[in-house]
């Protein structure tokens, strides 16, 4: 029963990591629909206005000109809707592929099924592509997705657009035009979530105008502030803009010194990333980090970072400036019989990485019956250990660690100690 429980798939916990897989296409489809509705409304108003200009007294030339303008607007609308329809078809194809990918998990009964290994490898590939996209390794992410055949399971175009806008904000010249264009495309959605991104970008526009100190630019900045910083919700930005006009770019007065500082562009880039991920229901951190943290937490035990663990201090001791002290401290620590050198969290690669993650919440124990510990610190069930030693051909009265194979050290059964769990 314990083995069946431990190998049975928990679909709900698996899908916790895959929620963005379906959320993002849904958000993009909703954005696509809103764009189509907006284009139709604008075209209808324009066509209606063109027709209303015609009267019974209009000349044939005026009538033909109005009809040509109406046809041009209709053709423009058709072209925009055709592009949106192609994008919608792509999103539906991605949704179908992702639903099929998740359905494969529901068709797998246990984690020991070979199909689960294939599915888990596909998910790992998705997580790696997601990580590469978030680190702006766009070409590598696309090559990996194409090589693994998972292009429909990842969101390369979304992150390409996001990376391009972020790079423009972080660039040497600090370009904010692309970010403002993105805000215009998603104006209603940004207003719904209460985003301040557009106001911060408008304030940066004002700062760049005021930075020049030229009279015509200052007048343009005042007109800009009157246009964008009026209204009760924008009072703070209006006050900041008014105060900025009274301070030169080399001022030492806060907050105007910080507003003139070049560090505002990295701040705007970080704000854009947070807003973008919030708008499209994307997690703030790479899913690979979440998966690794969950795995480390599941394997972590208090012994892994105990001061009495001879295996856990290797990485931290290597960073010590006093090598002699480090060597003495390693030699002076007595090994515990409960420690095992094959524990992944005790390894040099993962010990420091797992230090900050919490311990997993375990409600059941799957320890083998009658556990015993060998002199090398490894724990086995007594009956299972006897059976494995018989298969290895170990002489009667002697015991060998099965993980060491035929060449492992042997001990007498009298050196094997019983394990007590408190």
Protein backbone atom coordinates (compact mmCIF):
# COMPACT_ATOMS: atom_id res chain seq x y z
CA UNK A 1 0.00 0.00 0.00
CA UNK A 2 2.83 2.38 0.83
CA UNK A 3 4.50 1.70 -2.50
CA UNK A 4 1.22 2.28 -4.38
CA UNK A 5 0.63 5.56 -2.55
CA UNK A 6 4.15 6.79 -3.17
CA UNK A 7 4.06 6.10 -6.91
CA UNK A 8 0.54 7.32 -7.68
CA UNK A 9 0.43 10.59 -9.61
CA UNK A 10 -1.02 13.65 -7.91
CA UNK A 11 -2.32 15.57 -10.92
CA UNK A 12 -3.34 18.71 -9.02
CA UNK A 13 0.10 19.26 -7.51
CA UNK A 14 1.73 18.67 -10.91
CA UNK A 15 -0.53 21.21 -12.60
CA UNK A 16 0.36 23.91 -10.06
CA UNK A 17 3.57 24.46 -12.01
CA UNK A 18 1.78 24.46 -15.36
CA UNK A 19 -0.92 27.07 -14.79
CA UNK A 20 0.78 29.70 -17.02
CA UNK A 21 0.76 27.12 -19.82
CA UNK A 22 -2.96 27.77 -20.40
CA UNK A 23 -3.37 31.21 -18.86
CA UNK A 24 -1.15 33.09 -21.29
CA UNK A 25 -2.93 31.95 -24.50
CA UNK A 26 -6.23 32.82 -22.84
CA UNK A 27 -5.00 36.33 -22.01
CA UNK A 28 -3.64 36.77 -25.55
CA UNK A 29 -6.95 35.64 -27.06
CA UNK A 30 -8.81 38.13 -24.92
CA UNK A 31 -6.43 40.87 -26.02
CA UNK A 32 -6.92 39.81 -29.65
CA UNK A 33 -10.71 40.03 -29.27
CA UNK A 34 -10.51 43.49 -27.70
CA UNK A 35 -8.27 44.69 -30.52
CA UNK A 36 -10.73 43.40 -33.15
CA UNK A 37 -13.64 45.12 -31.40
CA UNK A 38 -11.71 48.39 -31.22
CA UNK A 39 -10.77 48.28 -34.91
CA UNK A 40 -14.40 47.58 -35.89
CA UNK A 41 -15.72 50.43 -33.75
CA UNK A 42 -13.20 52.90 -35.18
CA UNK A 43 -13.90 51.77 -38.77
CA UNK A 44 -17.68 52.00 -38.25
CA UNK A 45 -17.39 55.55 -36.96
CA UNK A 46 -15.17 56.54 -39.88
CA UNK A 47 -17.43 54.93 -42.50
CA UNK A 48 -20.54 56.45 -40.95
CA UNK A 49 -18.91 59.89 -40.93
CA UNK A 50 -17.92 59.55 -44.59
CA UNK A 51 -21.46 58.57 -45.61
CA UNK A 52 -23.04 61.36 -43.59
CA UNK A 53 -21.02 63.94 -45.49
CA UNK A 54 -22.92 63.03 -48.64
CA UNK A 55 -26.06 64.99 -49.41
CA UNK A 56 -28.49 65.17 -52.27
CA UNK A 57 -26.67 68.28 -53.45
CA UNK A 58 -23.23 66.57 -53.59
CA UNK A 59 -21.57 66.45 -56.96
CA UNK A 60 -20.72 63.11 -58.62
CA UNK A 61 -17.03 63.73 -57.98
CA UNK A 62 -17.64 64.32 -54.26
CA UNK A 63 -19.80 61.20 -54.09
CA UNK A 64 -17.12 59.07 -55.77
CA UNK A 65 -14.43 60.50 -53.48
CA UNK A 66 -16.53 59.68 -50.41
CA UNK A 67 -17.18 56.15 -51.67
CA UNK A 68 -13.46 55.64 -52.37
CA UNK A 69 -12.64 56.79 -48.83
CA UNK A 70 -15.26 54.42 -47.44
CA UNK A 71 -13.89 51.48 -49.46
CA UNK A 72 -10.34 52.31 -48.34
CA UNK A 73 -11.40 52.26 -44.69
CA UNK A 74 -13.23 48.97 -45.20
CA UNK A 75 -10.19 47.42 -46.89
CA UNK A 76 -7.95 48.66 -44.07
CA UNK A 77 -10.30 47.09 -41.54
CA UNK A 78 -10.31 43.83 -43.50
CA UNK A 79 -6.50 43.74 -43.54
CA UNK A 80 -6.29 44.33 -39.77
CA UNK A 81 -8.95 41.72 -39.01
CA UNK A 82 -7.20 39.21 -41.28
CA UNK A 83 -3.96 39.64 -39.32
CA UNK A 84 -5.84 39.27 -36.04
CA UNK A 85 -7.57 36.14 -37.37
CA UNK A 86 -4.21 34.57 -38.27
CA UNK A 87 -2.92 35.36 -34.78
CA UNK A 88 -6.08 33.86 -33.27
CA UNK A 89 -5.62 30.65 -35.27
CA UNK A 90 -2.04 30.37 -33.99
CA UNK A 91 -3.21 30.83 -30.40
CA UNK A 92 -5.92 28.18 -30.82
CA UNK A 93 -3.33 25.77 -32.21
CA UNK A 94 -1.10 26.43 -29.20
CA UNK A 95 -4.00 25.89 -26.81
CA UNK A 96 -4.86 22.58 -28.45
CA UNK A 97 -1.24 21.39 -28.20
CA UNK A 98 -1.00 22.43 -24.56
CA UNK A 99 -4.26 20.77 -23.59
CA UNK A 100 -3.07 17.58 -25.29
CA UNK A 101 0.23 17.83 -23.39
CA UNK A 102 -1.58 18.07 -20.05
CA UNK A 103 -4.01 15.32 -21.03
CA UNK A 104 -1.05 13.00 -21.50
CA UNK A 105 -0.30 13.42 -17.80
CA UNK A 106 -3.85 12.34 -16.86
CA UNK A 107 -3.43 9.20 -18.96
CA UNK A 108 -0.36 8.13 -16.95
CA UNK A 109 -1.31 6.04 -13.87
CA UNK A 110 1.94 6.14 -11.86
CA UNK A 111 5.29 7.90 -11.86
CA UNK A 112 7.08 4.61 -12.54
CA UNK A 113 5.45 4.43 -15.96
CA UNK A 114 7.92 5.05 -18.78
CA UNK A 115 5.45 7.53 -20.29
CA UNK A 116 5.91 9.73 -17.24
CA UNK A 117 9.65 9.98 -17.89
CA UNK A 118 8.92 11.17 -21.43
CA UNK A 119 6.33 13.70 -20.20
CA UNK A 120 8.64 14.96 -17.44
CA UNK A 121 11.47 15.43 -19.95
CA UNK A 122 9.17 17.52 -22.13
CA UNK A 123 8.24 19.66 -19.14
CA UNK A 124 11.93 20.09 -18.26
CA UNK A 125 12.58 21.27 -21.81
CA UNK A 126 9.72 23.78 -21.43
CA UNK A 127 11.18 25.07 -18.16
CA UNK A 128 14.61 25.45 -19.74
CA UNK A 129 13.17 27.41 -22.67
CA UNK A 130 11.23 29.60 -20.24
CA UNK A 131 14.42 30.29 -18.28
CA UNK A 132 16.40 31.15 -21.42
CA UNK A 133 13.66 33.50 -22.59
CA UNK A 134 13.62 35.33 -19.25
CA UNK A 135 17.40 35.70 -19.40
CA UNK A 136 17.14 37.19 -22.93
CA UNK A 137 18.87 34.23 -24.60
CA UNK A 138 16.20 34.37 -27.28
CA UNK A 139 18.10 32.64 -30.08
CA UNK A 140 19.15 29.76 -27.82
CA UNK A 141 15.60 29.40 -26.52
CA UNK A 142 14.19 29.23 -30.06
CA UNK A 143 16.79 26.68 -31.16
CA UNK A 144 16.07 24.48 -28.15
CA UNK A 145 12.30 24.69 -28.67
CA UNK A 146 12.62 23.79 -32.35
CA UNK A 147 15.04 20.95 -31.63
CA UNK A 148 12.70 19.44 -29.02
CA UNK A 149 9.52 20.08 -31.05
CA UNK A 150 7.84 22.16 -28.34
CA UNK A 151 7.39 25.49 -30.12
CA UNK A 152 3.64 25.44 -29.44
CA UNK A 153 4.26 24.74 -25.74
CA UNK A 154 6.35 27.85 -25.12
CA UNK A 155 5.71 31.58 -25.58
CA UNK A 156 8.64 32.81 -27.63
CA UNK A 157 6.93 35.77 -29.41
CA UNK A 158 5.63 37.18 -26.11
CA UNK A 159 9.05 37.14 -24.49
CA UNK A 160 10.71 38.44 -27.65
CA UNK A 161 8.50 41.52 -27.56
CA UNK A 162 9.02 41.88 -23.82
CA UNK A 163 12.80 41.56 -24.17
CA UNK A 164 12.93 44.09 -26.99
CA UNK A 165 11.06 46.73 -24.97
CA UNK A 166 13.08 46.01 -21.84
CA UNK A 167 16.33 46.30 -23.80
CA UNK A 168 15.25 49.66 -25.25
CA UNK A 169 14.64 50.99 -21.73
CA UNK A 170 17.94 49.65 -20.40
CA UNK A 171 19.92 50.86 -23.41
CA UNK A 172 22.56 53.54 -23.28
CA UNK A 173 20.19 56.18 -24.67
CA UNK A 174 17.13 55.05 -22.73
CA UNK A 175 14.40 54.80 -25.39
CA UNK A 176 10.82 54.74 -24.07
CA UNK A 177 8.87 55.00 -27.32
CA UNK A 178 8.32 51.23 -27.63
CA UNK A 179 7.13 51.02 -24.03
CA UNK A 180 4.63 53.84 -24.61
CA UNK A 181 3.36 52.09 -27.73
CA UNK A 182 2.87 48.90 -25.73
CA UNK A 183 0.94 50.86 -23.09
CA UNK A 184 -1.31 52.30 -25.80
CA UNK A 185 -2.10 48.80 -27.11
CA UNK A 186 -3.01 47.58 -23.63
CA UNK A 187 -4.45 50.81 -22.23
CA UNK A 188 -7.74 49.38 -20.93
CA UNK A 189 -6.13 46.30 -19.41
CA UNK A 190 -3.47 48.41 -17.67
CA UNK A 191 -6.14 50.72 -16.30
CA UNK A 192 -8.05 47.72 -14.98
CA UNK A 193 -5.08 46.44 -12.95
CA UNK A 194 -4.20 49.95 -11.73
CA UNK A 195 -0.77 50.11 -13.39
CA UNK A 196 1.37 53.25 -13.04
CA UNK A 197 3.70 52.30 -15.89
CA UNK A 198 2.30 54.77 -18.43
CA UNK A 199 2.39 57.64 -15.91
CA UNK A 200 6.02 56.87 -15.06
CA UNK A 201 6.89 56.86 -18.76
CA UNK A 202 5.07 60.17 -19.28
CA UNK A 203 7.00 61.58 -16.35
CA UNK A 204 10.23 60.42 -17.98
CA UNK A 205 9.20 62.24 -21.14
CA UNK A 206 8.75 65.38 -19.05
CA UNK A 207 12.15 64.86 -17.39
CA UNK A 208 13.94 64.62 -20.74
CA UNK A 209 12.29 67.84 -21.92
CA UNK A 210 13.22 69.67 -18.72
CA UNK A 211 16.77 68.30 -18.78
CA UNK A 212 17.69 70.39 -21.84
CA UNK A 213 16.95 73.70 -20.10
CA UNK A 214 15.88 75.28 -23.42
CA UNK A 215 12.90 77.61 -23.26
CA UNK A 216 10.96 75.99 -26.10
CA UNK A 217 11.48 72.56 -24.55
CA UNK A 218 10.35 73.87 -21.15
CA UNK A 219 7.15 75.25 -22.69
CA UNK A 220 6.62 71.91 -24.43
CA UNK A 221 7.14 70.18 -21.08
CA UNK A 222 4.48 72.39 -19.45
CA UNK A 223 2.01 71.54 -22.22
CA UNK A 224 2.91 67.87 -21.80
CA UNK A 225 2.22 68.04 -18.04
CA UNK A 226 -1.13 69.76 -18.57
CA UNK A 227 -2.14 67.04 -21.00
CA UNK A 228 -1.12 63.98 -18.99
CA UNK A 229 -0.87 65.02 -15.33
CA UNK A 230 -4.26 66.61 -14.76
CA UNK A 231 -6.96 64.96 -12.67
CA UNK A 232 -7.20 63.80 -9.08
CA UNK A 233 -5.44 60.49 -9.66
CA UNK A 234 -2.36 62.18 -11.19
CA UNK A 235 -1.82 64.91 -8.57
CA UNK A 236 1.45 63.42 -7.36
CA UNK A 237 2.93 63.38 -10.85
CA UNK A 238 1.82 66.96 -11.47
CA UNK A 239 3.51 68.11 -8.26
CA UNK A 240 6.71 66.30 -9.16
CA UNK A 241 6.70 67.81 -12.64
CA UNK A 242 6.12 71.32 -11.27
CA UNK A 243 8.94 70.96 -8.77
CA UNK A 244 11.29 69.60 -11.40
CA UNK A 245 11.01 72.81 -13.44
CA UNK A 246 12.54 74.71 -10.54
CA UNK A 247 15.63 72.47 -10.30
CA UNK A 248 18.53 72.04 -12.70
CA UNK A 249 19.79 68.60 -13.72
CA UNK A 250 22.77 68.94 -11.33
CA UNK A 251 20.56 69.58 -8.29
CA UNK A 252 21.28 67.80 -5.03
CA UNK A 253 17.69 68.12 -3.77
CA UNK A 254 15.66 64.96 -3.50
CA UNK A 255 13.55 63.57 -5.09
CA UNK A 256 14.57 65.65 -8.11
CA UNK A 257 18.18 64.43 -8.02
CA UNK A 258 16.94 60.87 -8.36
CA UNK A 259 14.49 61.84 -11.10
CA UNK A 260 17.34 63.26 -13.18
CA UNK A 261 19.59 60.27 -12.42
CA UNK A 262 20.30 57.67 -15.15
CA UNK A 263 19.11 54.95 -12.75
CA UNK A 264 15.51 55.79 -13.59
CA UNK A 265 15.74 53.81 -16.82
CA UNK A 266 16.62 50.51 -15.07
CA UNK A 267 13.75 51.27 -12.70
CA UNK A 268 11.39 51.75 -15.65
CA UNK A 269 12.63 48.51 -17.23
CA UNK A 270 11.98 46.58 -14.00
CA UNK A 271 8.55 48.21 -13.67
CA UNK A 272 7.72 47.25 -17.25
CA UNK A 273 8.69 43.63 -16.60
CA UNK A 274 6.50 43.43 -13.49
CA UNK A 275 3.59 45.04 -15.30
CA UNK A 276 3.98 42.81 -18.35
CA UNK A 277 4.07 39.61 -16.29
CA UNK A 278 1.12 40.72 -14.15
CA UNK A 279 -0.95 41.61 -17.20
CA UNK A 280 -0.39 38.23 -18.86
CA UNK A 281 -0.60 36.16 -15.63
CA UNK A 282 3.07 35.15 -15.81
CA UNK A 283 5.00 34.29 -12.63
CA UNK A 284 7.57 36.84 -11.53
CA UNK A 285 10.36 34.25 -11.34
CA UNK A 286 11.35 31.51 -13.81
CA UNK A 287 9.40 28.30 -13.37
CA UNK A 288 12.73 26.45 -13.32
CA UNK A 289 13.59 28.23 -10.05
CA UNK A 290 10.26 27.16 -8.59
CA UNK A 291 10.77 23.53 -9.62
CA UNK A 292 14.34 23.42 -8.29
CA UNK A 293 13.29 25.02 -5.00
CA UNK A 294 10.49 22.47 -4.58
CA UNK A 295 12.87 19.60 -5.30
CA UNK A 296 15.49 20.90 -2.87
CA UNK A 297 12.86 21.38 -0.19
CA UNK A 298 11.54 17.84 -0.66
CA UNK A 299 15.03 16.34 -0.20
CA UNK A 300 16.30 18.66 2.52
CA UNK A 301 16.65 17.38 6.09
CA UNK A 302 18.01 19.07 9.24
CA UNK A 303 21.11 16.88 9.00
CA UNK A 304 22.07 18.38 5.62
CA UNK A 305 23.12 21.67 7.23
CA UNK A 306 24.06 20.37 10.65
CA UNK A 307 27.43 21.33 12.09
CA UNK A 308 28.05 17.61 12.73
CA UNK A 309 27.59 16.63 9.10
CA UNK A 310 31.03 15.93 7.55
CA UNK A 311 29.69 16.20 4.00
CA UNK A 312 27.69 19.37 4.16
CA UNK A 313 30.44 21.90 4.76
CA UNK A 314 32.59 21.29 1.72
CA UNK A 315 31.36 24.19 -0.41
CA UNK A 316 31.24 26.73 2.38
CA UNK A 317 34.59 25.63 3.76
CA UNK A 318 36.17 26.03 0.34
CA UNK A 319 35.18 29.70 0.40
CA UNK A 320 37.03 30.26 3.67
CA UNK A 321 40.15 32.36 3.45
CA UNK A 322 42.02 30.24 6.00
CA UNK A 323 42.59 26.88 4.35
CA UNK A 324 44.37 25.49 7.38
CA UNK A 325 41.46 26.26 9.66
CA UNK A 326 39.06 24.73 7.14
CA UNK A 327 41.07 21.51 7.00
CA UNK A 328 41.25 21.27 10.77
CA UNK A 329 37.52 21.91 11.13
CA UNK A 330 36.72 19.14 8.64
CA UNK A 331 38.99 16.70 10.43
CA UNK A 332 37.72 17.59 13.88
CA UNK A 333 34.04 16.97 13.05
CA UNK A 334 33.10 13.40 14.01
CA UNK A 335 31.03 11.66 11.34
CA UNK A 336 27.48 10.64 12.27
CA UNK A 337 26.20 7.20 11.48
CA UNK A 338 22.98 8.69 10.17
CA UNK A 339 24.75 10.70 7.48
CA UNK A 340 24.98 9.44 3.92
CA UNK A 341 27.50 10.68 1.32
CA UNK A 342 25.00 10.07 -1.51
CA UNK A 343 22.53 12.67 -0.21
CA UNK A 344 22.15 15.27 -3.02
CA UNK A 345 21.61 18.15 -0.59
CA UNK A 346 24.85 17.29 1.21
CA UNK A 347 26.77 17.55 -2.06
CA UNK A 348 29.04 20.49 -2.80
CA UNK A 349 26.88 21.61 -5.72
CA UNK A 350 23.55 21.84 -3.90
CA UNK A 351 24.38 22.39 -0.22
CA UNK A 352 24.62 26.18 -0.31
CA UNK A 353 21.80 26.43 -2.86
CA UNK A 354 19.43 24.57 -0.51
CA UNK A 355 20.35 26.51 2.62
CA UNK A 356 17.59 29.10 2.24
CA UNK A 357 14.70 26.82 1.23
CA UNK A 358 12.29 25.52 3.89
CA UNK A 359 11.94 21.91 4.93
CA UNK A 360 9.23 19.89 3.22
CA UNK A 361 6.09 19.01 5.15
CA UNK A 362 6.05 15.22 5.45
CA UNK A 363 2.91 13.55 6.81
CA UNK A 364 3.88 9.95 6.04
CA UNK A 365 7.03 7.90 6.45
CA UNK A 366 8.12 5.35 3.88
CA UNK A 367 11.03 3.93 5.88
CA UNK A 368 11.62 0.22 5.30
CA UNK A 369 10.75 -2.24 8.05
CA UNK A 370 13.44 -2.88 10.69
CA UNK A 371 15.96 -0.28 9.41
CA UNK A 372 19.67 -0.78 10.13
CA UNK A 373 22.70 1.40 9.44
CA UNK A 374 25.98 0.16 8.01
CA UNK A 375 29.34 1.45 9.30
CA UNK A 376 29.56 3.73 6.23
CA UNK A 377 26.34 5.50 7.27
CA UNK A 378 23.89 4.08 4.73
CA UNK A 379 20.51 2.83 5.94
CA UNK A 380 18.65 -0.24 4.63
CA UNK A 381 15.83 -2.48 5.74
CA UNK A 382 17.29 -5.58 7.41
CA UNK A 383 15.42 -8.13 5.28
CA UNK A 384 16.13 -6.25 2.06
CA UNK A 385 19.82 -5.94 2.95
CA UNK A 386 20.05 -9.70 3.62
CA UNK A 387 18.40 -10.49 0.29
CA UNK A 388 20.72 -8.20 -1.66
CA UNK A 389 23.80 -9.69 0.03
CA UNK A 390 22.64 -13.18 -0.87
CA UNK A 391 22.37 -12.12 -4.52
CA UNK A 392 25.87 -10.61 -4.32
CA UNK A 393 27.26 -13.88 -2.97
CA UNK A 394 28.52 -12.39 0.31
CA UNK A 395 29.68 -15.12 2.76
CA UNK A 396 27.43 -16.03 5.67
CA UNK A 397 27.90 -13.71 8.64
CA UNK A 398 29.31 -10.91 6.50
CA UNK A 399 27.54 -7.88 5.02
CA UNK A 400 28.40 -5.54 2.16
CA UNK A 401 26.88 -2.25 0.99
CA UNK A 402 24.93 -3.23 -2.15
CA UNK A 403 25.48 0.21 -3.72
CA UNK A 404 29.25 -0.40 -3.77
CA UNK A 405 28.89 -3.47 -5.98
CA UNK A 406 31.19 -6.50 -5.90
CA UNK A 407 34.26 -4.54 -4.87
CA UNK A 408 32.74 -2.90 -1.78
CA UNK A 409 34.02 -3.26 1.78
CA UNK A 410 32.59 -5.98 4.00
CA UNK A 411 31.74 -5.96 7.69
CA UNK A 412 30.45 -8.44 10.19
CA UNK A 413 26.76 -8.37 11.05
CA UNK A 414 27.79 -7.44 14.57
CA UNK A 415 28.92 -4.03 13.27
CA UNK A 416 25.49 -3.31 11.84
CA UNK A 417 23.42 -1.17 14.20
CA UNK A 418 19.67 -0.81 14.48
CA UNK A 419 18.12 2.56 13.63
CA UNK A 420 15.66 4.19 16.02
CA UNK A 421 13.49 7.04 14.70
CA UNK A 422 12.16 9.57 17.20
